[in-house]
Amino acid sequence: MGVTHKLREEVVSFIVAQKQGNPTISCRGLVAVVNEHFQVHVSKSSINAVLKDAQLSSSVGRRSTDEK
């Protein structure tokens, strides 16, 4: 999925661990944490792809009609 194959396994594991430790952290927040920890630029979409692969992604947007 996406460009996750370009990320080192340690970066992917770090992203997953950060999200599991703090489920409320956003993709933008994870970009900043990864940049600070590894001194590499990771895009928000790459973070989202990692989270989606790990089944940690939460969709943002309109509520379904069942939730109204």
C-alpha atoms as a PDB file:
ATOM      1  CA  MET A   1       0.000   0.000   0.000  1.00  0.00           C
ATOM      2  CA  GLY A   2       1.323   3.426  -0.842  1.00  0.00           C
ATOM      3  CA  VAL A   3       5.001   4.136  -0.311  1.00  0.00           C
ATOM      4  CA  THR A   4       5.471   2.295   2.949  1.00  0.00           C
ATOM      5  CA  HIS A   5       8.038   0.074   1.240  1.00  0.00           C
ATOM      6  CA  LYS A   6      10.359   3.106   1.168  1.00  0.00           C
ATOM      7  CA  LEU A   7      10.321   3.462   4.957  1.00  0.00           C
ATOM      8  CA  ARG A   8      12.794   1.568   7.105  1.00  0.00           C
ATOM      9  CA  GLU A   9      11.199  -1.122   9.242  1.00  0.00           C
ATOM     10  CA  GLU A  10      12.311   0.666  12.418  1.00  0.00           C
ATOM     11  CA  VAL A  11      10.439   3.804  11.326  1.00  0.00           C
ATOM     12  CA  VAL A  12       7.294   1.810  10.547  1.00  0.00           C
ATOM     13  CA  SER A  13       7.504   0.038  13.931  1.00  0.00           C
ATOM     14  CA  PHE A  14       8.036   3.372  15.672  1.00  0.00           C
ATOM     15  CA  ILE A  15       4.961   4.896  13.997  1.00  0.00           C
ATOM     16  CA  VAL A  16       2.800   1.925  14.976  1.00  0.00           C
ATOM     17  CA  ALA A  17       4.090   1.970  18.564  1.00  0.00           C
ATOM     18  CA  GLN A  18       3.464   5.717  18.888  1.00  0.00           C
ATOM     19  CA  LYS A  19      -0.111   5.365  17.632  1.00  0.00           C
ATOM     20  CA  GLN A  20      -0.789   2.392  19.926  1.00  0.00           C
ATOM     21  CA  GLY A  21       0.603   4.337  22.885  1.00  0.00           C
ATOM     22  CA  ASN A  22      -1.361   7.468  22.047  1.00  0.00           C
ATOM     23  CA  PRO A  23      -4.424   6.701  19.885  1.00  0.00           C
ATOM     24  CA  THR A  24      -5.417  10.373  19.744  1.00  0.00           C
ATOM     25  CA  ILE A  25      -2.214  11.513  18.016  1.00  0.00           C
ATOM     26  CA  SER A  26      -2.835  12.773  14.496  1.00  0.00           C
ATOM     27  CA  CYS A  27      -0.893  11.988  11.350  1.00  0.00           C
ATOM     28  CA  ARG A  28       0.554  15.499  11.469  1.00  0.00           C
ATOM     29  CA  GLY A  29       1.611  14.912  15.059  1.00  0.00           C
ATOM     30  CA  LEU A  30       3.291  11.672  14.039  1.00  0.00           C
ATOM     31  CA  VAL A  31       5.119  13.472  11.216  1.00  0.00           C
ATOM     32  CA  ALA A  32       6.644  15.817  13.788  1.00  0.00           C
ATOM     33  CA  VAL A  33       7.562  12.991  16.194  1.00  0.00           C
ATOM     34  CA  VAL A  34       9.172  10.898  13.443  1.00  0.00           C
ATOM     35  CA  ASN A  35      11.063  13.926  12.132  1.00  0.00           C
ATOM     36  CA  GLU A  36      12.364  14.721  15.613  1.00  0.00           C
ATOM     37  CA  HIS A  37      13.309  11.122  16.451  1.00  0.00           C
ATOM     38  CA  PHE A  38      14.815   9.973  13.133  1.00  0.00           C
ATOM     39  CA  GLN A  39      15.643  13.313  11.434  1.00  0.00           C
ATOM     40  CA  VAL A  40      13.823  12.157   8.281  1.00  0.00           C
ATOM     41  CA  HIS A  41      10.875  13.700   6.486  1.00  0.00           C
ATOM     42  CA  VAL A  42       7.842  11.446   6.261  1.00  0.00           C
ATOM     43  CA  SER A  43       4.689  12.671   4.585  1.00  0.00           C
ATOM     44  CA  LYS A  44       1.311  12.663   6.254  1.00  0.00           C
ATOM     45  CA  SER A  45       0.020  10.285   3.595  1.00  0.00           C
ATOM     46  CA  SER A  46       2.867   7.834   4.279  1.00  0.00           C
ATOM     47  CA  ILE A  47       1.993   7.893   7.976  1.00  0.00           C
ATOM     48  CA  ASN A  48      -1.642   7.262   7.107  1.00  0.00           C
ATOM     49  CA  ALA A  49      -0.658   4.339   4.849  1.00  0.00           C
ATOM     50  CA  VAL A  50       1.376   2.766   7.673  1.00  0.00           C
ATOM     51  CA  LEU A  51      -1.541   3.154  10.089  1.00  0.00           C
ATOM     52  CA  LYS A  52      -3.965   1.745   7.558  1.00  0.00           C
ATOM     53  CA  ASP A  53      -1.730  -1.307   6.982  1.00  0.00           C
ATOM     54  CA  ALA A  54      -1.559  -1.810  10.753  1.00  0.00           C
ATOM     55  CA  GLN A  55      -5.354  -1.374  11.002  1.00  0.00           C
ATOM     56  CA  LEU A  56      -4.910   1.635  13.291  1.00  0.00           C
ATOM     57  CA  SER A  57      -6.404   4.174  10.916  1.00  0.00           C
ATOM     58  CA  SER A  58      -9.545   5.982  11.960  1.00  0.00           C
ATOM     59  CA  SER A  59     -11.486   7.591   9.187  1.00  0.00           C
ATOM     60  CA  VAL A  60     -12.317  11.239   9.520  1.00  0.00           C
ATOM     61  CA  GLY A  61     -15.217  12.799   7.750  1.00  0.00           C
ATOM     62  CA  ARG A  62     -18.949  12.706   7.688  1.00  0.00           C
ATOM     63  CA  ARG A  63     -20.825  10.461  10.019  1.00  0.00           C
ATOM     64  CA  SER A  64     -22.822   7.715   8.445  1.00  0.00           C
ATOM     65  CA  THR A  65     -26.611   8.027   8.494  1.00  0.00           C
ATOM     66  CA  ASP A  66     -26.771   5.353  11.209  1.00  0.00           C
ATOM     67  CA  GLU A  67     -24.872   7.601  13.661  1.00  0.00           C
ATOM     68  CA  LYS A  68     -27.169  10.625  13.294  1.00  0.00           C
END
